[in-house]
Amino acid sequence: MKKAILYDPDYSTSNIQWNSVDKTTINAIFQIENAETSDKYVIKNCNTGTYMQGMGGALGTKPTAGSNGEFSLSELATGQYAFKFGNGTMHANGHGNGTGSRGNLVSWTTGANDASSWFIVRATEVEIAMNSLGENTYATIYLPFAVTPEEGVTAYTGTVDEANSEVTLSAKSGVLPAANGYILEGTTTPATLTITTETAEIGTNDLLGTYTSATSADNYRIFSAVDNVLGFYTNSSTTLAANKAYISLATGTAQGLKLNFGGVVDAIESVETEDAQTEGAIYDLSGRGVKKASKGLYIQNGKKVYIK
């Protein structure tokens, strides 16, 4: 059995701390897993692949059977639980009046509605901050769980050509499997993604990603716009944020790769198709003709259009 916890503490790669919830900041994703001891659990940080070592909040390898990192859940009231580790009950130090001032997790006595009472709430969705360019909004994601985008948001995988000059994007409908990079395109911000346990095939995808923030390296190509042209570009001064996608190329190769939306090379303000299309006809983003368009993004007369 696995249960997911999604919240946004202030944490480093070595210790968890208390903070407020913000669904647009998903750099700290936690999951409850079965422990080595059959009737206990452990808490895994999905971003770093490390586990809580006990009520102090330190992160490290998966706790062994009988260690302080294994815990039991004690129900205090409806939906309220105490996390009881081998070295104490998990408590938010410096909690003040419950507004979430920062502090390490420490041991404390516990009861219903006090500072050591934890509410376990099912995480059903995340929100992705989108960046505007032209009439649309864009972002990349790389998540440790599968999601489905809300209506009006299109997700793409990408394949780099042999010349390392452009990335051909393929629209991916339905479930977006975990541990894959995607580009999101919509018209508003934030974009809402529903968390799911469903699975799906992904196919070829050259979009990589990171669960933790990373210093940009020579081989990184980061998603951005240069002169109003979206692509993946070298930017040594940019830190790649957690849960974002990038493309890796050998040092000394192309400094930038343009995006090809399934046969339509994107220059935002002027989109040219590679193959001639019938005047006025509507096509999906993979270049297939559409008899009756529903809400979403399409190609018409060589330009991207959004149908409400």
C-alpha atoms as a PDB file:
ATOM      1  CA  MET A   1       0.000   0.000   0.000  1.00  0.00           C
ATOM      2  CA  LYS A   2       1.221   3.497  -0.850  1.00  0.00           C
ATOM      3  CA  LYS A   3      -0.358   6.806   0.094  1.00  0.00           C
ATOM      4  CA  ALA A   4       0.724  10.160  -1.279  1.00  0.00           C
ATOM      5  CA  ILE A   5       1.310  13.348   0.683  1.00  0.00           C
ATOM      6  CA  LEU A   6       1.703  16.574  -1.284  1.00  0.00           C
ATOM      7  CA  TYR A   7       2.694  19.756   0.494  1.00  0.00           C
ATOM      8  CA  ASP A   8       5.287  22.479   0.247  1.00  0.00           C
ATOM      9  CA  PRO A   9       7.673  22.581   3.172  1.00  0.00           C
ATOM     10  CA  ASP A  10      10.811  24.657   3.238  1.00  0.00           C
ATOM     11  CA  TYR A  11      13.469  22.006   2.903  1.00  0.00           C
ATOM     12  CA  SER A  12      16.994  21.327   1.759  1.00  0.00           C
ATOM     13  CA  THR A  13      18.286  18.040   0.384  1.00  0.00           C
ATOM     14  CA  SER A  14      19.117  16.951   3.935  1.00  0.00           C
ATOM     15  CA  ASN A  15      16.265  18.112   6.191  1.00  0.00           C
ATOM     16  CA  ILE A  16      12.513  18.767   6.035  1.00  0.00           C
ATOM     17  CA  GLN A  17      11.037  21.926   7.522  1.00  0.00           C
ATOM     18  CA  TRP A  18       7.596  23.431   8.038  1.00  0.00           C
ATOM     19  CA  ASN A  19       6.005  25.866   5.596  1.00  0.00           C
ATOM     20  CA  SER A  20       2.685  26.756   3.984  1.00  0.00           C
ATOM     21  CA  VAL A  21       0.903  24.923   1.166  1.00  0.00           C
ATOM     22  CA  ASP A  22       1.134  26.177  -2.416  1.00  0.00           C
ATOM     23  CA  LYS A  23       0.017  23.888  -5.224  1.00  0.00           C
ATOM     24  CA  THR A  24       2.108  25.818  -7.773  1.00  0.00           C
ATOM     25  CA  THR A  25       5.359  24.958  -5.954  1.00  0.00           C
ATOM     26  CA  ILE A  26       5.876  21.223  -6.220  1.00  0.00           C
ATOM     27  CA  ASN A  27       9.536  20.945  -5.299  1.00  0.00           C
ATOM     28  CA  ALA A  28       8.816  18.774  -2.255  1.00  0.00           C
ATOM     29  CA  ILE A  29       6.651  15.736  -2.885  1.00  0.00           C
ATOM     30  CA  PHE A  30       6.327  13.061  -0.221  1.00  0.00           C
ATOM     31  CA  GLN A  31       4.890   9.566  -0.262  1.00  0.00           C
ATOM     32  CA  ILE A  32       4.029   7.164   2.550  1.00  0.00           C
ATOM     33  CA  GLU A  33       5.259   3.636   1.852  1.00  0.00           C
ATOM     34  CA  ASN A  34       5.194   0.335   3.719  1.00  0.00           C
ATOM     35  CA  ALA A  35       8.191  -0.077   6.026  1.00  0.00           C
ATOM     36  CA  GLU A  36      10.401  -3.133   6.462  1.00  0.00           C
ATOM     37  CA  THR A  37       8.449  -3.821   9.660  1.00  0.00           C
ATOM     38  CA  SER A  38       5.047  -5.093   8.494  1.00  0.00           C
ATOM     39  CA  ASP A  39       2.769  -2.840  10.565  1.00  0.00           C
ATOM     40  CA  LYS A  40       4.727   0.406  10.093  1.00  0.00           C
ATOM     41  CA  TYR A  41       5.392   2.999   7.392  1.00  0.00           C
ATOM     42  CA  VAL A  42       8.167   5.239   6.069  1.00  0.00           C
ATOM     43  CA  ILE A  43       8.072   8.664   4.396  1.00  0.00           C
ATOM     44  CA  LYS A  44       9.873   9.056   1.070  1.00  0.00           C
ATOM     45  CA  ASN A  45      10.819  12.356  -0.545  1.00  0.00           C
ATOM     46  CA  CYS A  46      10.103  11.681  -4.242  1.00  0.00           C
ATOM     47  CA  ASN A  47      12.259  14.583  -5.443  1.00  0.00           C
ATOM     48  CA  THR A  48      15.484  13.319  -3.888  1.00  0.00           C
ATOM     49  CA  GLY A  49      14.664   9.614  -3.539  1.00  0.00           C
ATOM     50  CA  THR A  50      15.522   9.813   0.170  1.00  0.00           C
ATOM     51  CA  TYR A  51      13.573   8.934   3.330  1.00  0.00           C
ATOM     52  CA  MET A  52      12.896  10.597   6.689  1.00  0.00           C
ATOM     53  CA  GLN A  53      15.172   9.119   9.339  1.00  0.00           C
ATOM     54  CA  GLY A  54      12.886   9.944  12.264  1.00  0.00           C
ATOM     55  CA  MET A  55      10.843  12.739  13.807  1.00  0.00           C
ATOM     56  CA  GLY A  56      13.747  15.225  13.366  1.00  0.00           C
ATOM     57  CA  GLY A  57      13.118  15.469   9.622  1.00  0.00           C
ATOM     58  CA  ALA A  58      16.590  14.403   8.425  1.00  0.00           C
ATOM     59  CA  LEU A  59      16.666  12.674   5.019  1.00  0.00           C
ATOM     60  CA  GLY A  60      18.721   9.639   4.042  1.00  0.00           C
ATOM     61  CA  THR A  61      18.518   6.026   2.931  1.00  0.00           C
ATOM     62  CA  LYS A  62      15.409   3.901   3.455  1.00  0.00           C
ATOM     63  CA  PRO A  63      15.110   3.082   7.197  1.00  0.00           C
ATOM     64  CA  THR A  64      15.815  -0.491   8.201  1.00  0.00           C
ATOM     65  CA  ALA A  65      13.451  -2.688  10.231  1.00  0.00           C
ATOM     66  CA  GLY A  66      13.069  -1.435  13.790  1.00  0.00           C
ATOM     67  CA  SER A  67      14.871   1.874  13.173  1.00  0.00           C
ATOM     68  CA  ASN A  68      13.689   5.343  14.223  1.00  0.00           C
ATOM     69  CA  GLY A  69      12.650   6.160  10.660  1.00  0.00           C
ATOM     70  CA  GLU A  70       9.767   3.706  10.726  1.00  0.00           C
ATOM     71  CA  PHE A  71       6.538   5.095  12.165  1.00  0.00           C
ATOM     72  CA  SER A  72       2.979   4.185  13.039  1.00  0.00           C
ATOM     73  CA  LEU A  73      -0.144   6.283  12.509  1.00  0.00           C
ATOM     74  CA  SER A  74      -2.293   6.945  15.546  1.00  0.00           C
ATOM     75  CA  GLU A  75      -5.736   8.412  14.774  1.00  0.00           C
ATOM     76  CA  LEU A  76      -6.532  11.409  17.003  1.00  0.00           C
ATOM     77  CA  ALA A  77      -9.838  12.522  15.441  1.00  0.00           C
ATOM     78  CA  THR A  78     -11.534  12.226  12.060  1.00  0.00           C
ATOM     79  CA  GLY A  79      -8.796  12.784   9.490  1.00  0.00           C
ATOM     80  CA  GLN A  80      -6.232  13.690  12.177  1.00  0.00           C
ATOM     81  CA  TYR A  81      -3.220  11.519  12.947  1.00  0.00           C
ATOM     82  CA  ALA A  82      -0.066  11.432  15.006  1.00  0.00           C
ATOM     83  CA  PHE A  83       3.109  10.277  13.246  1.00  0.00           C
ATOM     84  CA  LYS A  84       4.865   8.243  15.949  1.00  0.00           C
ATOM     85  CA  PHE A  85       8.504   7.466  15.122  1.00  0.00           C
ATOM     86  CA  GLY A  86      10.913   5.417  17.160  1.00  0.00           C
ATOM     87  CA  ASN A  87      12.427   8.626  18.553  1.00  0.00           C
ATOM     88  CA  GLY A  88       9.250  10.631  19.148  1.00  0.00           C
ATOM     89  CA  THR A  89       6.085  12.163  17.707  1.00  0.00           C
ATOM     90  CA  MET A  90       6.501  14.408  14.664  1.00  0.00           C
ATOM     91  CA  HIS A  91       5.700  18.007  15.552  1.00  0.00           C
ATOM     92  CA  ALA A  92       6.121  21.356  13.782  1.00  0.00           C
ATOM     93  CA  ASN A  93       8.499  23.403  15.943  1.00  0.00           C
ATOM     94  CA  GLY A  94       7.905  27.157  15.817  1.00  0.00           C
ATOM     95  CA  HIS A  95       4.335  26.577  14.665  1.00  0.00           C
ATOM     96  CA  GLY A  96       3.185  29.761  16.453  1.00  0.00           C
ATOM     97  CA  ASN A  97      -0.536  30.153  15.899  1.00  0.00           C
ATOM     98  CA  GLY A  98      -0.578  27.550  13.132  1.00  0.00           C
ATOM     99  CA  THR A  99       0.431  29.883  10.279  1.00  0.00           C
ATOM    100  CA  GLY A 100       3.486  27.775   9.517  1.00  0.00           C
ATOM    101  CA  SER A 101       6.624  29.655  10.546  1.00  0.00           C
ATOM    102  CA  ARG A 102       9.729  27.696   9.634  1.00  0.00           C
ATOM    103  CA  GLY A 103      11.330  25.200  12.002  1.00  0.00           C
ATOM    104  CA  ASN A 104      12.655  21.678  12.107  1.00  0.00           C
ATOM    105  CA  LEU A 105      10.287  18.814  12.863  1.00  0.00           C
ATOM    106  CA  VAL A 106      10.762  17.774  16.494  1.00  0.00           C
ATOM    107  CA  SER A 107       9.168  15.564  19.161  1.00  0.00           C
ATOM    108  CA  TRP A 108       6.208  16.840  21.170  1.00  0.00           C
ATOM    109  CA  THR A 109       3.176  15.499  23.000  1.00  0.00           C
ATOM    110  CA  THR A 110       0.118  15.190  20.824  1.00  0.00           C
ATOM    111  CA  GLY A 111      -3.671  15.280  20.896  1.00  0.00           C
ATOM    112  CA  ALA A 112      -6.560  16.234  18.628  1.00  0.00           C
ATOM    113  CA  ASN A 113      -6.225  19.745  17.158  1.00  0.00           C
ATOM    114  CA  ASP A 114      -2.861  20.513  18.734  1.00  0.00           C
ATOM    115  CA  ALA A 115       0.404  21.301  16.973  1.00  0.00           C
ATOM    116  CA  SER A 116       1.386  17.660  16.549  1.00  0.00           C
ATOM    117  CA  SER A 117      -1.903  16.686  14.947  1.00  0.00           C
ATOM    118  CA  TRP A 118      -1.475  16.089  11.230  1.00  0.00           C
ATOM    119  CA  PHE A 119      -4.310  16.128   8.715  1.00  0.00           C
ATOM    120  CA  ILE A 120      -3.829  13.622   5.894  1.00  0.00           C
ATOM    121  CA  VAL A 121      -5.580  15.023   2.821  1.00  0.00           C
ATOM    122  CA  ARG A 122      -5.660  13.225  -0.501  1.00  0.00           C
ATOM    123  CA  ALA A 123      -3.598  15.091  -3.109  1.00  0.00           C
ATOM    124  CA  THR A 124      -5.749  15.219  -6.248  1.00  0.00           C
ATOM    125  CA  GLU A 125      -4.138  17.914  -8.387  1.00  0.00           C
ATOM    126  CA  VAL A 126      -1.209  20.268  -8.875  1.00  0.00           C
ATOM    127  CA  GLU A 127      -1.079  23.700 -10.466  1.00  0.00           C
ATOM    128  CA  ILE A 128       1.643  24.671 -12.938  1.00  0.00           C
ATOM    129  CA  ALA A 129       2.630  28.323 -13.337  1.00  0.00           C
ATOM    130  CA  MET A 130       2.576  29.113 -17.072  1.00  0.00           C
ATOM    131  CA  ASN A 131       4.571  31.794 -18.917  1.00  0.00           C
ATOM    132  CA  SER A 132       2.866  33.973 -21.539  1.00  0.00           C
ATOM    133  CA  LEU A 133       4.157  34.387 -25.085  1.00  0.00           C
ATOM    134  CA  GLY A 134       1.878  35.730 -27.779  1.00  0.00           C
ATOM    135  CA  GLU A 135      -1.670  34.544 -27.175  1.00  0.00           C
ATOM    136  CA  ASN A 136      -0.631  31.327 -25.430  1.00  0.00           C
ATOM    137  CA  THR A 137       1.033  30.207 -22.220  1.00  0.00           C
ATOM    138  CA  TYR A 138       3.805  27.625 -21.841  1.00  0.00           C
ATOM    139  CA  ALA A 139       5.719  25.606 -19.252  1.00  0.00           C
ATOM    140  CA  THR A 140       7.623  22.340 -18.913  1.00  0.00           C
ATOM    141  CA  ILE A 141       7.063  19.629 -16.312  1.00  0.00           C
ATOM    142  CA  TYR A 142       8.851  16.542 -15.013  1.00  0.00           C
ATOM    143  CA  LEU A 143       6.923  14.845 -12.212  1.00  0.00           C
ATOM    144  CA  PRO A 144       7.340  11.677 -10.124  1.00  0.00           C
ATOM    145  CA  PHE A 145       3.656  10.756 -10.579  1.00  0.00           C
ATOM    146  CA  ALA A 146       1.292  10.488 -13.553  1.00  0.00           C
ATOM    147  CA  VAL A 147      -1.102  13.346 -14.344  1.00  0.00           C
ATOM    148  CA  THR A 148      -3.815  14.324 -16.835  1.00  0.00           C
ATOM    149  CA  PRO A 149      -4.041  17.961 -18.032  1.00  0.00           C
ATOM    150  CA  GLU A 150      -7.228  19.977 -17.729  1.00  0.00           C
ATOM    151  CA  GLU A 151      -9.267  20.829 -20.840  1.00  0.00           C
ATOM    152  CA  GLY A 152      -7.576  23.528 -22.906  1.00  0.00           C
ATOM    153  CA  VAL A 153      -4.038  22.433 -21.985  1.00  0.00           C
ATOM    154  CA  THR A 154      -2.040  20.410 -24.517  1.00  0.00           C
ATOM    155  CA  ALA A 155       0.985  18.339 -23.472  1.00  0.00           C
ATOM    156  CA  TYR A 156       3.815  17.444 -25.875  1.00  0.00           C
ATOM    157  CA  THR A 157       6.696  15.007 -25.906  1.00  0.00           C
ATOM    158  CA  GLY A 158       9.708  15.821 -28.083  1.00  0.00           C
ATOM    159  CA  THR A 159      12.182  14.121 -30.413  1.00  0.00           C
ATOM    160  CA  VAL A 160      15.474  15.782 -31.397  1.00  0.00           C
ATOM    161  CA  ASP A 161      16.438  15.496 -35.083  1.00  0.00           C
ATOM    162  CA  GLU A 162      19.799  14.076 -36.217  1.00  0.00           C
ATOM    163  CA  ALA A 163      21.155  17.559 -36.937  1.00  0.00           C
ATOM    164  CA  ASN A 164      20.382  18.713 -33.378  1.00  0.00           C
ATOM    165  CA  SER A 165      18.614  21.733 -34.832  1.00  0.00           C
ATOM    166  CA  GLU A 166      14.971  21.250 -33.881  1.00  0.00           C
ATOM    167  CA  VAL A 167      12.652  19.299 -31.620  1.00  0.00           C
ATOM    168  CA  THR A 168       9.603  17.689 -33.221  1.00  0.00           C
ATOM    169  CA  LEU A 169       6.741  17.776 -30.736  1.00  0.00           C
ATOM    170  CA  SER A 170       3.974  15.207 -30.529  1.00  0.00           C
ATOM    171  CA  ALA A 171       0.727  15.985 -28.722  1.00  0.00           C
ATOM    172  CA  LYS A 172       0.077  13.500 -25.898  1.00  0.00           C
ATOM    173  CA  SER A 173      -3.557  13.214 -24.872  1.00  0.00           C
ATOM    174  CA  GLY A 174      -4.861  11.566 -21.720  1.00  0.00           C
ATOM    175  CA  VAL A 175      -2.498  10.261 -19.044  1.00  0.00           C
ATOM    176  CA  LEU A 176       1.046  11.652 -18.900  1.00  0.00           C
ATOM    177  CA  PRO A 177       3.256   8.923 -17.358  1.00  0.00           C
ATOM    178  CA  ALA A 178       5.616   9.855 -14.532  1.00  0.00           C
ATOM    179  CA  ALA A 179       9.354  10.495 -14.964  1.00  0.00           C
ATOM    180  CA  ASN A 180       8.993  12.045 -18.428  1.00  0.00           C
ATOM    181  CA  GLY A 181       9.524  15.593 -19.628  1.00  0.00           C
ATOM    182  CA  TYR A 182       6.630  17.451 -21.272  1.00  0.00           C
ATOM    183  CA  ILE A 183       5.900  20.886 -22.718  1.00  0.00           C
ATOM    184  CA  LEU A 184       2.517  22.306 -21.721  1.00  0.00           C
ATOM    185  CA  GLU A 185       0.673  24.789 -23.926  1.00  0.00           C
ATOM    186  CA  GLY A 186      -2.500  26.616 -22.951  1.00  0.00           C
ATOM    187  CA  THR A 187      -4.028  30.074 -22.802  1.00  0.00           C
ATOM    188  CA  THR A 188      -4.161  30.811 -19.047  1.00  0.00           C
ATOM    189  CA  THR A 189      -2.145  30.376 -15.872  1.00  0.00           C
ATOM    190  CA  PRO A 190      -1.922  28.288 -13.810  1.00  0.00           C
ATOM    191  CA  ALA A 191      -2.615  25.019 -15.599  1.00  0.00           C
ATOM    192  CA  THR A 192      -4.261  22.353 -13.460  1.00  0.00           C
ATOM    193  CA  LEU A 193      -3.089  18.733 -13.693  1.00  0.00           C
ATOM    194  CA  THR A 194      -5.014  15.894 -12.058  1.00  0.00           C
ATOM    195  CA  ILE A 195      -2.892  13.294 -10.242  1.00  0.00           C
ATOM    196  CA  THR A 196      -3.669   9.743 -11.344  1.00  0.00           C
ATOM    197  CA  THR A 197      -2.485   6.187 -10.757  1.00  0.00           C
ATOM    198  CA  GLU A 198      -3.392   5.190 -14.322  1.00  0.00           C
ATOM    199  CA  THR A 199      -0.655   4.093 -16.718  1.00  0.00           C
ATOM    200  CA  ALA A 200      -0.046   4.824 -20.407  1.00  0.00           C
ATOM    201  CA  GLU A 201       2.545   4.257 -23.135  1.00  0.00           C
ATOM    202  CA  ILE A 202       4.829   7.205 -23.836  1.00  0.00           C
ATOM    203  CA  GLY A 203       6.818   6.338 -26.984  1.00  0.00           C
ATOM    204  CA  THR A 204      10.048   8.137 -27.940  1.00  0.00           C
ATOM    205  CA  ASN A 205      10.739  11.200 -25.829  1.00  0.00           C
ATOM    206  CA  ASP A 206      14.000  13.166 -25.618  1.00  0.00           C
ATOM    207  CA  LEU A 207      12.736  15.566 -22.952  1.00  0.00           C
ATOM    208  CA  LEU A 208      14.608  14.818 -19.745  1.00  0.00           C
ATOM    209  CA  GLY A 209      14.028  16.432 -16.359  1.00  0.00           C
ATOM    210  CA  THR A 210      15.054  16.926 -12.769  1.00  0.00           C
ATOM    211  CA  TYR A 211      13.179  16.527  -9.477  1.00  0.00           C
ATOM    212  CA  THR A 212      15.460  19.016  -7.731  1.00  0.00           C
ATOM    213  CA  SER A 213      16.853  22.365  -8.863  1.00  0.00           C
ATOM    214  CA  ALA A 214      20.044  21.996 -10.888  1.00  0.00           C
ATOM    215  CA  THR A 215      22.802  24.348 -11.976  1.00  0.00           C
ATOM    216  CA  SER A 216      22.747  24.736 -15.745  1.00  0.00           C
ATOM    217  CA  ALA A 217      25.559  22.841 -17.473  1.00  0.00           C
ATOM    218  CA  ASP A 218      27.110  23.103 -20.957  1.00  0.00           C
ATOM    219  CA  ASN A 219      25.061  20.150 -22.190  1.00  0.00           C
ATOM    220  CA  TYR A 220      21.711  21.569 -20.975  1.00  0.00           C
ATOM    221  CA  ARG A 221      19.254  23.154 -23.396  1.00  0.00           C
ATOM    222  CA  ILE A 222      16.593  24.962 -21.356  1.00  0.00           C
ATOM    223  CA  PHE A 223      13.066  25.744 -22.555  1.00  0.00           C
ATOM    224  CA  SER A 224      12.715  29.490 -23.201  1.00  0.00           C
ATOM    225  CA  ALA A 225      12.025  32.078 -25.920  1.00  0.00           C
ATOM    226  CA  VAL A 226      14.681  34.014 -27.828  1.00  0.00           C
ATOM    227  CA  ASP A 227      13.444  36.825 -30.112  1.00  0.00           C
ATOM    228  CA  ASN A 228       9.880  35.497 -29.628  1.00  0.00           C
ATOM    229  CA  VAL A 229      10.879  32.034 -30.847  1.00  0.00           C
ATOM    230  CA  LEU A 230      10.266  29.179 -28.446  1.00  0.00           C
ATOM    231  CA  GLY A 231      12.927  26.523 -28.197  1.00  0.00           C
ATOM    232  CA  PHE A 232      15.546  24.875 -26.014  1.00  0.00           C
ATOM    233  CA  TYR A 233      18.568  27.135 -25.595  1.00  0.00           C
ATOM    234  CA  THR A 234      21.902  27.228 -23.796  1.00  0.00           C
ATOM    235  CA  ASN A 235      21.775  29.533 -20.788  1.00  0.00           C
ATOM    236  CA  SER A 236      24.624  29.044 -18.348  1.00  0.00           C
ATOM    237  CA  SER A 237      23.285  31.742 -15.990  1.00  0.00           C
ATOM    238  CA  THR A 238      19.924  30.032 -15.452  1.00  0.00           C
ATOM    239  CA  THR A 239      19.257  27.525 -12.691  1.00  0.00           C
ATOM    240  CA  LEU A 240      16.942  24.775 -13.849  1.00  0.00           C
ATOM    241  CA  ALA A 241      14.031  24.623 -11.409  1.00  0.00           C
ATOM    242  CA  ALA A 242      12.812  21.411  -9.803  1.00  0.00           C
ATOM    243  CA  ASN A 243      10.266  19.358 -11.752  1.00  0.00           C
ATOM    244  CA  LYS A 244      11.171  20.993 -15.063  1.00  0.00           C
ATOM    245  CA  ALA A 245      12.209  19.436 -18.387  1.00  0.00           C
ATOM    246  CA  TYR A 246      15.328  20.041 -20.462  1.00  0.00           C
ATOM    247  CA  ILE A 247      17.228  18.527 -23.396  1.00  0.00           C
ATOM    248  CA  SER A 248      20.762  17.201 -23.102  1.00  0.00           C
ATOM    249  CA  LEU A 249      23.192  17.622 -26.007  1.00  0.00           C
ATOM    250  CA  ALA A 250      26.904  17.032 -26.222  1.00  0.00           C
ATOM    251  CA  THR A 251      29.093  20.033 -25.425  1.00  0.00           C
ATOM    252  CA  GLY A 252      29.948  21.985 -28.583  1.00  0.00           C
ATOM    253  CA  THR A 253      26.739  21.138 -30.466  1.00  0.00           C
ATOM    254  CA  ALA A 254      23.833  23.443 -31.331  1.00  0.00           C
ATOM    255  CA  GLN A 255      23.203  26.281 -28.878  1.00  0.00           C
ATOM    256  CA  GLY A 256      19.482  26.318 -29.605  1.00  0.00           C
ATOM    257  CA  LEU A 257      16.776  24.027 -30.965  1.00  0.00           C
ATOM    258  CA  LYS A 258      13.520  25.338 -32.429  1.00  0.00           C
ATOM    259  CA  LEU A 259      10.215  23.587 -31.867  1.00  0.00           C
ATOM    260  CA  ASN A 260       8.361  21.755 -34.616  1.00  0.00           C
ATOM    261  CA  PHE A 261       4.717  21.205 -33.669  1.00  0.00           C
ATOM    262  CA  GLY A 262       4.181  18.050 -35.713  1.00  0.00           C
ATOM    263  CA  GLY A 263       5.194  19.659 -39.020  1.00  0.00           C
ATOM    264  CA  VAL A 264       4.653  23.284 -38.001  1.00  0.00           C
ATOM    265  CA  VAL A 265       7.853  25.101 -36.996  1.00  0.00           C
ATOM    266  CA  ASP A 266       6.945  27.573 -34.282  1.00  0.00           C
ATOM    267  CA  ALA A 267       7.985  31.206 -34.545  1.00  0.00           C
ATOM    268  CA  ILE A 268       4.968  32.399 -32.519  1.00  0.00           C
ATOM    269  CA  GLU A 269       4.014  35.338 -34.721  1.00  0.00           C
ATOM    270  CA  SER A 270       4.464  33.616 -38.092  1.00  0.00           C
ATOM    271  CA  VAL A 271       3.988  29.868 -38.356  1.00  0.00           C
ATOM    272  CA  GLU A 272       4.874  28.175 -41.633  1.00  0.00           C
ATOM    273  CA  THR A 273       3.750  24.655 -42.491  1.00  0.00           C
ATOM    274  CA  GLU A 274       6.079  22.235 -44.231  1.00  0.00           C
ATOM    275  CA  ASP A 275       3.280  20.739 -46.314  1.00  0.00           C
ATOM    276  CA  ALA A 276       0.636  22.715 -48.149  1.00  0.00           C
ATOM    277  CA  GLN A 277      -2.797  22.567 -46.518  1.00  0.00           C
ATOM    278  CA  THR A 278      -6.206  23.357 -47.931  1.00  0.00           C
ATOM    279  CA  GLU A 279      -7.236  26.979 -47.421  1.00  0.00           C
ATOM    280  CA  GLY A 280      -9.575  27.293 -44.444  1.00  0.00           C
ATOM    281  CA  ALA A 281      -9.259  23.619 -43.442  1.00  0.00           C
ATOM    282  CA  ILE A 282      -8.616  22.785 -39.783  1.00  0.00           C
ATOM    283  CA  TYR A 283      -5.920  20.369 -38.633  1.00  0.00           C
ATOM    284  CA  ASP A 284      -4.886  19.063 -35.234  1.00  0.00           C
ATOM    285  CA  LEU A 285      -1.356  19.679 -33.973  1.00  0.00           C
ATOM    286  CA  SER A 286      -0.162  16.440 -35.570  1.00  0.00           C
ATOM    287  CA  GLY A 287      -1.281  17.643 -39.032  1.00  0.00           C
ATOM    288  CA  ARG A 288      -4.382  15.469 -39.318  1.00  0.00           C
ATOM    289  CA  GLY A 289      -7.509  16.952 -40.846  1.00  0.00           C
ATOM    290  CA  VAL A 290     -10.394  17.670 -38.442  1.00  0.00           C
ATOM    291  CA  LYS A 291     -13.977  17.606 -39.744  1.00  0.00           C
ATOM    292  CA  LYS A 292     -15.503  19.190 -36.632  1.00  0.00           C
ATOM    293  CA  ALA A 293     -13.234  20.957 -34.153  1.00  0.00           C
ATOM    294  CA  SER A 294     -14.036  20.959 -30.460  1.00  0.00           C
ATOM    295  CA  LYS A 295     -12.417  23.209 -27.861  1.00  0.00           C
ATOM    296  CA  GLY A 296      -8.625  23.263 -28.123  1.00  0.00           C
ATOM    297  CA  LEU A 297      -5.591  24.214 -30.245  1.00  0.00           C
ATOM    298  CA  TYR A 298      -5.564  23.618 -34.016  1.00  0.00           C
ATOM    299  CA  ILE A 299      -3.789  24.663 -37.217  1.00  0.00           C
ATOM    300  CA  GLN A 300      -5.743  26.733 -39.775  1.00  0.00           C
ATOM    301  CA  ASN A 301      -4.223  28.521 -42.767  1.00  0.00           C
ATOM    302  CA  GLY A 302      -0.748  27.773 -41.445  1.00  0.00           C
ATOM    303  CA  LYS A 303      -1.347  29.360 -38.050  1.00  0.00           C
ATOM    304  CA  LYS A 304      -2.185  28.047 -34.616  1.00  0.00           C
ATOM    305  CA  VAL A 305      -5.699  28.931 -33.501  1.00  0.00           C
ATOM    306  CA  TYR A 306      -7.489  28.284 -30.227  1.00  0.00           C
ATOM    307  CA  ILE A 307     -11.159  27.315 -30.470  1.00  0.00           C
ATOM    308  CA  LYS A 308     -13.191  28.101 -27.352  1.00  0.00           C
END
